Structure formats: structure tokens, C-alpha cells
Amino acid sequence: MPMIEHNQVAPVEMMPGVFRRIMTDGERMMLCEIRLEKGAVVPSHTHPHEQTGYMMSGRLRFQIGDEVRDLSAGDSWMIPGGSAHEVTALEECLLIECFSPPREDFR
């Protein structure tokens, strides 16, 4: 079983103010740490992967389809594959997200 220390994984800037670390990557799922700077936006997009996440710290505005909610530490979400979604960081945020199957475009 591979074990990964946080400092062994360099963050990748996905877009301005949005950084990811792939913490584990298996055959059927991928676990990522996502950090967003205050004001960062992940524009509306879709992908075939099921995505679930947990907010470690911060606040963000999350839109999945037509539903918009402000989320904060301790909140979580589930995004079915193919569903349009976007986020705006209202504060600096730290998220833990799991994708199934793994995101080839993140590797």
C-alpha cells in the first residue's frame, strides 16, 4: 500500500489561484488536495468523473447545475459525472476531493 507524505507532492497551479496535489492515485479513484486563493474561480465545466469533496477550511460559492450554495469548513458535496459545476473562493480554501475514475488530465 503506497503511503505519501504531503511534502513529497509538489502543488500544480491548474488555473490562476487554484492549486492541486494528487495525494493518491489508484485504478478506480484519485484523491486530491485543492487549495484556492481568495477570489479564485473555477469556471463552469463538466467531466465524466464522479466527484465528491470535503471542505477543510475557508468558504466558497458552489454551483452544481442550477443549485448555488455557500459552503464552509465541514461541508461536503457530490457531483455526478457529466454535471456542470463551478466554484468561487470567498476566502482562501482547502478542499479534499475524490474522483472516480481517476482524472487522466490531472496526471
N, C-alpha and C. Protein backbone atom coordinates (compact mmCIF):
# COMPACT_ATOMS: atom_id res chain seq x y z
N MET A 1 0.85 -1.18 0.00
CA MET A 1 0.00 0.00 0.00
C MET A 1 0.90 1.24 0.00
N PRO A 2 0.80 2.07 -1.05
CA PRO A 2 1.64 3.27 -1.07
C PRO A 2 1.17 4.30 -0.03
N MET A 3 2.13 4.90 0.61
CA MET A 3 1.85 5.98 1.56
C MET A 3 2.62 7.20 1.08
N ILE A 4 1.96 8.33 1.10
CA ILE A 4 2.53 9.54 0.53
C ILE A 4 2.57 10.63 1.58
N GLU A 5 3.75 11.22 1.77
CA GLU A 5 3.89 12.35 2.68
C GLU A 5 3.56 13.63 1.91
N HIS A 6 2.83 14.52 2.57
CA HIS A 6 2.37 15.75 1.94
C HIS A 6 3.50 16.52 1.27
N ASN A 7 4.63 16.63 1.93
CA ASN A 7 5.74 17.43 1.37
C ASN A 7 6.43 16.76 0.19
N GLN A 8 6.07 15.52 -0.14
CA GLN A 8 6.64 14.84 -1.31
C GLN A 8 5.90 15.21 -2.59
N VAL A 9 4.75 15.86 -2.47
CA VAL A 9 3.92 16.15 -3.63
C VAL A 9 3.92 17.66 -3.89
N ALA A 10 4.48 18.05 -5.02
CA ALA A 10 4.51 19.47 -5.39
C ALA A 10 3.15 19.91 -5.91
N PRO A 11 2.67 21.09 -5.47
CA PRO A 11 1.40 21.58 -5.99
C PRO A 11 1.53 22.00 -7.45
N VAL A 12 0.44 21.83 -8.20
CA VAL A 12 0.37 22.22 -9.61
C VAL A 12 -0.69 23.31 -9.70
N GLU A 13 -0.36 24.44 -10.31
CA GLU A 13 -1.35 25.51 -10.50
C GLU A 13 -2.20 25.16 -11.71
N MET A 14 -3.46 24.85 -11.46
CA MET A 14 -4.39 24.43 -12.52
C MET A 14 -4.88 25.63 -13.33
N MET A 15 -5.09 26.73 -12.64
CA MET A 15 -5.53 28.00 -13.22
C MET A 15 -5.20 29.04 -12.18
N PRO A 16 -5.30 30.33 -12.48
CA PRO A 16 -4.87 31.33 -11.50
C PRO A 16 -5.53 31.15 -10.13
N GLY A 17 -4.69 30.96 -9.12
CA GLY A 17 -5.15 30.85 -7.75
C GLY A 17 -5.73 29.51 -7.35
N VAL A 18 -5.61 28.50 -8.21
CA VAL A 18 -6.16 27.16 -7.92
C VAL A 18 -5.03 26.14 -8.05
N PHE A 19 -4.71 25.47 -6.94
CA PHE A 19 -3.57 24.55 -6.89
C PHE A 19 -4.05 23.16 -6.47
N ARG A 20 -3.50 22.12 -7.09
CA ARG A 20 -3.86 20.74 -6.72
C ARG A 20 -2.62 19.94 -6.40
N ARG A 21 -2.82 18.97 -5.53
CA ARG A 21 -1.83 17.94 -5.25
C ARG A 21 -2.57 16.61 -5.39
N ILE A 22 -2.04 15.71 -6.20
CA ILE A 22 -2.60 14.36 -6.27
C ILE A 22 -1.97 13.59 -5.12
N MET A 23 -2.78 13.26 -4.13
CA MET A 23 -2.25 12.62 -2.92
C MET A 23 -2.21 11.10 -3.06
N THR A 24 -3.20 10.52 -3.71
CA THR A 24 -3.17 9.10 -4.05
C THR A 24 -3.87 8.93 -5.38
N ASP A 25 -3.48 7.91 -6.10
CA ASP A 25 -3.98 7.71 -7.46
C ASP A 25 -4.02 6.21 -7.72
N GLY A 26 -5.21 5.65 -7.74
CA GLY A 26 -5.35 4.21 -7.94
C GLY A 26 -5.99 3.89 -9.27
N GLU A 27 -6.39 2.65 -9.40
CA GLU A 27 -7.01 2.18 -10.64
C GLU A 27 -8.41 2.76 -10.83
N ARG A 28 -9.16 2.94 -9.72
CA ARG A 28 -10.55 3.37 -9.84
C ARG A 28 -10.88 4.67 -9.13
N MET A 29 -9.92 5.27 -8.42
CA MET A 29 -10.19 6.55 -7.78
C MET A 29 -8.92 7.35 -7.59
N MET A 30 -9.09 8.64 -7.38
CA MET A 30 -7.98 9.57 -7.20
C MET A 30 -8.36 10.53 -6.08
N LEU A 31 -7.43 10.77 -5.14
CA LEU A 31 -7.65 11.70 -4.04
C LEU A 31 -6.75 12.91 -4.25
N CYS A 32 -7.35 14.10 -4.22
CA CYS A 32 -6.61 15.34 -4.46
C CYS A 32 -6.85 16.33 -3.33
N GLU A 33 -5.82 17.11 -3.04
CA GLU A 33 -5.94 18.28 -2.19
C GLU A 33 -6.01 19.47 -3.14
N ILE A 34 -7.00 20.33 -2.94
CA ILE A 34 -7.17 21.52 -3.77
C ILE A 34 -7.11 22.74 -2.87
N ARG A 35 -6.26 23.70 -3.22
CA ARG A 35 -6.19 24.97 -2.48
C ARG A 35 -6.58 26.09 -3.43
N LEU A 36 -7.50 26.94 -2.98
CA LEU A 36 -7.94 28.08 -3.77
C LEU A 36 -7.62 29.36 -3.02
N GLU A 37 -7.02 30.32 -3.69
CA GLU A 37 -6.79 31.63 -3.10
C GLU A 37 -8.11 32.40 -3.12
N LYS A 38 -8.27 33.33 -2.20
CA LYS A 38 -9.48 34.14 -2.15
C LYS A 38 -9.71 34.80 -3.51
N GLY A 39 -10.93 34.69 -4.01
CA GLY A 39 -11.29 35.28 -5.30
C GLY A 39 -11.06 34.38 -6.50
N ALA A 40 -10.38 33.25 -6.32
CA ALA A 40 -10.14 32.32 -7.44
C ALA A 40 -11.47 31.74 -7.92
N VAL A 41 -11.55 31.51 -9.23
CA VAL A 41 -12.75 30.96 -9.84
C VAL A 41 -12.38 29.75 -10.68
N VAL A 42 -13.13 28.67 -10.48
CA VAL A 42 -13.07 27.52 -11.38
C VAL A 42 -14.33 27.63 -12.22
N PRO A 43 -14.19 28.03 -13.49
CA PRO A 43 -15.39 28.29 -14.31
C PRO A 43 -16.20 27.01 -14.55
N SER A 44 -17.43 27.21 -14.94
CA SER A 44 -18.34 26.10 -15.19
C SER A 44 -17.72 25.11 -16.17
N HIS A 45 -17.79 23.83 -15.81
CA HIS A 45 -17.22 22.78 -16.65
C HIS A 45 -17.91 21.46 -16.32
N THR A 46 -17.68 20.49 -17.16
CA THR A 46 -18.17 19.13 -16.92
C THR A 46 -17.04 18.15 -17.19
N HIS A 47 -17.16 16.98 -16.62
CA HIS A 47 -16.27 15.86 -16.92
C HIS A 47 -17.04 14.59 -16.59
N PRO A 48 -16.64 13.47 -17.14
CA PRO A 48 -17.40 12.24 -16.93
C PRO A 48 -17.19 11.61 -15.54
N HIS A 49 -16.26 12.13 -14.78
CA HIS A 49 -15.90 11.55 -13.47
C HIS A 49 -16.89 11.94 -12.39
N GLU A 50 -17.23 10.97 -11.53
CA GLU A 50 -17.96 11.29 -10.32
C GLU A 50 -16.98 11.99 -9.39
N GLN A 51 -17.44 13.03 -8.70
CA GLN A 51 -16.56 13.84 -7.85
C GLN A 51 -17.24 14.08 -6.52
N THR A 52 -16.53 13.81 -5.44
CA THR A 52 -17.04 14.13 -4.12
C THR A 52 -15.94 14.87 -3.36
N GLY A 53 -16.35 15.75 -2.46
CA GLY A 53 -15.36 16.54 -1.76
C GLY A 53 -15.78 16.93 -0.36
N TYR A 54 -14.78 17.42 0.39
CA TYR A 54 -14.95 17.85 1.77
C TYR A 54 -14.17 19.14 1.96
N MET A 55 -14.81 20.15 2.54
CA MET A 55 -14.19 21.45 2.77
C MET A 55 -13.45 21.43 4.10
N MET A 56 -12.12 21.50 4.03
CA MET A 56 -11.30 21.52 5.25
C MET A 56 -11.31 22.89 5.91
N SER A 57 -11.20 23.95 5.10
CA SER A 57 -11.19 25.30 5.65
C SER A 57 -11.61 26.28 4.56
N GLY A 58 -12.07 27.45 5.00
CA GLY A 58 -12.45 28.51 4.08
C GLY A 58 -13.94 28.53 3.78
N ARG A 59 -14.29 29.35 2.80
CA ARG A 59 -15.68 29.47 2.33
C ARG A 59 -15.66 29.62 0.82
N LEU A 60 -16.60 28.97 0.16
CA LEU A 60 -16.71 29.13 -1.29
C LEU A 60 -18.16 29.07 -1.72
N ARG A 61 -18.41 29.64 -2.88
CA ARG A 61 -19.73 29.57 -3.52
C ARG A 61 -19.65 28.46 -4.55
N PHE A 62 -20.53 27.48 -4.42
CA PHE A 62 -20.51 26.29 -5.26
C PHE A 62 -21.80 26.26 -6.07
N GLN A 63 -21.69 26.04 -7.36
CA GLN A 63 -22.86 25.86 -8.19
C GLN A 63 -22.76 24.51 -8.88
N ILE A 64 -23.79 23.70 -8.70
CA ILE A 64 -23.92 22.41 -9.39
C ILE A 64 -25.25 22.47 -10.13
N GLY A 65 -25.20 22.49 -11.45
CA GLY A 65 -26.43 22.69 -12.22
C GLY A 65 -27.01 24.05 -11.90
N ASP A 66 -28.28 24.09 -11.48
CA ASP A 66 -28.94 25.35 -11.13
C ASP A 66 -28.87 25.67 -9.64
N GLU A 67 -28.32 24.77 -8.84
CA GLU A 67 -28.26 24.96 -7.39
C GLU A 67 -26.98 25.70 -7.00
N VAL A 68 -27.13 26.79 -6.23
CA VAL A 68 -26.00 27.59 -5.75
C VAL A 68 -26.04 27.61 -4.23
N ARG A 69 -24.89 27.30 -3.62
CA ARG A 69 -24.79 27.33 -2.16
C ARG A 69 -23.43 27.86 -1.74
N ASP A 70 -23.42 28.55 -0.61
CA ASP A 70 -22.17 28.95 0.02
C ASP A 70 -21.81 27.85 1.01
N LEU A 71 -20.60 27.28 0.88
CA LEU A 71 -20.14 26.19 1.73
C LEU A 71 -18.98 26.66 2.59
N SER A 72 -18.82 26.03 3.75
CA SER A 72 -17.72 26.37 4.65
C SER A 72 -17.16 25.10 5.27
N ALA A 73 -16.16 25.26 6.12
CA ALA A 73 -15.46 24.12 6.72
C ALA A 73 -16.44 23.10 7.28
N GLY A 74 -16.22 21.82 6.94
CA GLY A 74 -17.07 20.74 7.40
C GLY A 74 -18.14 20.33 6.41
N ASP A 75 -18.38 21.15 5.38
CA ASP A 75 -19.39 20.82 4.37
C ASP A 75 -18.81 19.90 3.31
N SER A 76 -19.70 19.20 2.60
CA SER A 76 -19.25 18.27 1.56
C SER A 76 -20.22 18.32 0.38
N TRP A 77 -19.85 17.66 -0.72
CA TRP A 77 -20.64 17.67 -1.94
C TRP A 77 -20.41 16.40 -2.74
N MET A 78 -21.35 16.13 -3.62
CA MET A 78 -21.25 15.02 -4.56
C MET A 78 -21.70 15.56 -5.91
N ILE A 79 -20.87 15.37 -6.93
CA ILE A 79 -21.19 15.83 -8.28
C ILE A 79 -21.24 14.61 -9.19
N PRO A 80 -22.41 14.30 -9.73
CA PRO A 80 -22.48 13.18 -10.67
C PRO A 80 -21.67 13.49 -11.93
N GLY A 81 -21.11 12.46 -12.55
CA GLY A 81 -20.39 12.65 -13.80
C GLY A 81 -21.28 13.34 -14.83
N GLY A 82 -20.70 14.29 -15.58
CA GLY A 82 -21.42 14.99 -16.63
C GLY A 82 -22.20 16.20 -16.16
N SER A 83 -22.22 16.50 -14.85
CA SER A 83 -22.96 17.65 -14.33
C SER A 83 -22.10 18.91 -14.37
N ALA A 84 -22.67 19.99 -14.88
CA ALA A 84 -21.96 21.28 -14.91
C ALA A 84 -21.80 21.80 -13.48
N HIS A 85 -20.61 22.30 -13.17
CA HIS A 85 -20.35 22.86 -11.84
C HIS A 85 -19.25 23.91 -11.91
N GLU A 86 -19.28 24.83 -10.95
CA GLU A 86 -18.26 25.88 -10.84
C GLU A 86 -18.13 26.31 -9.39
N VAL A 87 -16.99 26.91 -9.05
CA VAL A 87 -16.78 27.41 -7.70
C VAL A 87 -16.09 28.77 -7.74
N THR A 88 -16.38 29.57 -6.72
CA THR A 88 -15.71 30.85 -6.48
C THR A 88 -15.28 30.86 -5.03
N ALA A 89 -14.00 31.09 -4.77
CA ALA A 89 -13.49 31.11 -3.40
C ALA A 89 -13.82 32.45 -2.75
N LEU A 90 -14.62 32.42 -1.69
CA LEU A 90 -14.97 33.63 -0.94
C LEU A 90 -13.88 33.97 0.07
N GLU A 91 -13.09 32.97 0.43
CA GLU A 91 -11.92 33.08 1.30
C GLU A 91 -10.90 32.08 0.76
N GLU A 92 -9.69 32.09 1.31
CA GLU A 92 -8.76 31.01 0.95
C GLU A 92 -9.38 29.70 1.42
N CYS A 93 -9.31 28.68 0.57
CA CYS A 93 -9.98 27.40 0.85
C CYS A 93 -9.02 26.24 0.70
N LEU A 94 -9.26 25.20 1.49
CA LEU A 94 -8.56 23.93 1.36
C LEU A 94 -9.62 22.84 1.25
N LEU A 95 -9.59 22.08 0.15
CA LEU A 95 -10.56 21.04 -0.13
C LEU A 95 -9.87 19.71 -0.31
N ILE A 96 -10.57 18.65 0.02
CA ILE A 96 -10.14 17.29 -0.30
C ILE A 96 -11.18 16.73 -1.26
N GLU A 97 -10.75 16.29 -2.45
CA GLU A 97 -11.68 15.81 -3.45
C GLU A 97 -11.25 14.44 -3.97
N CYS A 98 -12.26 13.62 -4.25
CA CYS A 98 -12.04 12.29 -4.79
C CYS A 98 -12.74 12.19 -6.14
N PHE A 99 -12.05 11.64 -7.13
CA PHE A 99 -12.59 11.46 -8.47
C PHE A 99 -12.59 9.98 -8.82
N SER A 100 -13.68 9.53 -9.43
CA SER A 100 -13.76 8.16 -9.89
C SER A 100 -14.43 8.14 -11.26
N PRO A 101 -13.79 7.57 -12.27
CA PRO A 101 -12.42 7.03 -12.24
C PRO A 101 -11.42 8.18 -12.13
N PRO A 102 -10.13 7.88 -11.96
CA PRO A 102 -9.12 8.92 -11.86
C PRO A 102 -9.12 9.84 -13.08
N ARG A 103 -8.74 11.08 -12.85
CA ARG A 103 -8.66 12.09 -13.90
C ARG A 103 -7.35 11.93 -14.66
N GLU A 104 -7.41 11.42 -15.87
CA GLU A 104 -6.21 11.30 -16.71
C GLU A 104 -5.60 12.67 -16.99
N ASP A 105 -6.45 13.70 -17.13
CA ASP A 105 -5.96 15.04 -17.44
C ASP A 105 -5.23 15.68 -16.25
N PHE A 106 -5.30 15.10 -15.06
CA PHE A 106 -4.58 15.62 -13.90
C PHE A 106 -3.19 15.00 -13.78
N ARG A 107 -2.96 13.87 -14.44
CA ARG A 107 -1.69 13.16 -14.28
C ARG A 107 -0.59 13.83 -15.05
